[in-house]
């Protein structure tokens, strides 16, 4: 898991790429869940929270540019 401080230092483009990567991971985890191959079900919530955190980061950076 990446630390919150490291996420805050990302640029907008890096954050968007990371969101895409996390969404792919979440997609793959769903298939593993269906096949009962998942080891840690808490990963779902962790990935969802990381995606939300990155979206918030991007929105905050956009708001700072507009003001």
Protein backbone atom coordinates (compact mmCIF):
# COMPACT_ATOMS: atom_id res chain seq x y z
CA UNK A 1 0.00 0.00 0.00
CA UNK A 2 1.23 3.45 -0.87
CA UNK A 3 1.37 6.06 1.83
CA UNK A 4 -0.97 9.03 1.71
CA UNK A 5 1.97 11.43 1.68
CA UNK A 6 3.31 9.81 -1.47
CA UNK A 7 -0.09 10.15 -3.17
CA UNK A 8 -0.20 13.86 -2.39
CA UNK A 9 3.06 14.41 -4.28
CA UNK A 10 1.71 12.93 -7.51
CA UNK A 11 0.93 15.14 -10.47
CA UNK A 12 -2.53 15.08 -12.02
CA UNK A 13 -1.40 12.79 -14.86
CA UNK A 14 0.33 10.38 -12.50
CA UNK A 15 -2.76 10.24 -10.30
CA UNK A 16 -4.98 9.48 -13.29
CA UNK A 17 -2.66 6.67 -14.40
CA UNK A 18 -2.68 5.25 -10.88
CA UNK A 19 -6.49 5.37 -10.81
CA UNK A 20 -6.63 3.35 -14.03
CA UNK A 21 -4.20 0.81 -12.61
CA UNK A 22 -6.22 0.47 -9.40
CA UNK A 23 -9.46 0.05 -11.35
CA UNK A 24 -7.87 -2.78 -13.35
CA UNK A 25 -6.77 -4.41 -10.09
CA UNK A 26 -10.29 -4.12 -8.73
CA UNK A 27 -11.68 -5.66 -11.93
CA UNK A 28 -9.28 -8.61 -11.61
CA UNK A 29 -10.14 -9.04 -7.93
CA UNK A 30 -13.81 -9.38 -8.82
CA UNK A 31 -13.01 -12.32 -11.08
CA UNK A 32 -10.84 -13.90 -8.39
CA UNK A 33 -13.71 -13.53 -5.95
CA UNK A 34 -16.07 -15.35 -8.29
CA UNK A 35 -13.58 -18.21 -8.62
CA UNK A 36 -12.87 -18.26 -4.86
CA UNK A 37 -9.20 -17.48 -5.43
CA UNK A 38 -9.03 -14.31 -3.35
CA UNK A 39 -6.72 -14.33 -0.34
CA UNK A 40 -7.53 -11.00 1.26
CA UNK A 41 -11.11 -9.72 0.82
CA UNK A 42 -10.18 -6.45 2.54
CA UNK A 43 -8.33 -5.48 -0.65
CA UNK A 44 -11.64 -4.42 -2.20
CA UNK A 45 -12.22 -1.67 0.33
CA UNK A 46 -8.57 -0.63 0.33
CA UNK A 47 -8.49 -0.19 -3.44
CA UNK A 48 -11.82 1.66 -3.47
CA UNK A 49 -10.57 4.05 -0.80
CA UNK A 50 -7.33 4.66 -2.69
CA UNK A 51 -9.28 5.47 -5.86
CA UNK A 52 -11.52 7.89 -3.96
CA UNK A 53 -8.48 9.49 -2.33
CA UNK A 54 -6.86 10.05 -5.72
CA UNK A 55 -10.05 11.53 -7.20
CA UNK A 56 -10.18 13.92 -4.25
CA UNK A 57 -6.55 14.83 -4.83
CA UNK A 58 -7.20 15.62 -8.49
CA UNK A 59 -10.27 17.69 -7.64
CA UNK A 60 -8.29 19.64 -5.03
CA UNK A 61 -5.54 20.40 -7.54
CA UNK A 62 -8.12 21.58 -10.09
CA UNK A 63 -9.75 23.86 -7.51
CA UNK A 64 -6.42 25.43 -6.60
CA UNK A 65 -5.72 26.23 -10.25
CA UNK A 66 -9.11 27.91 -10.70
CA UNK A 67 -8.75 30.26 -7.72
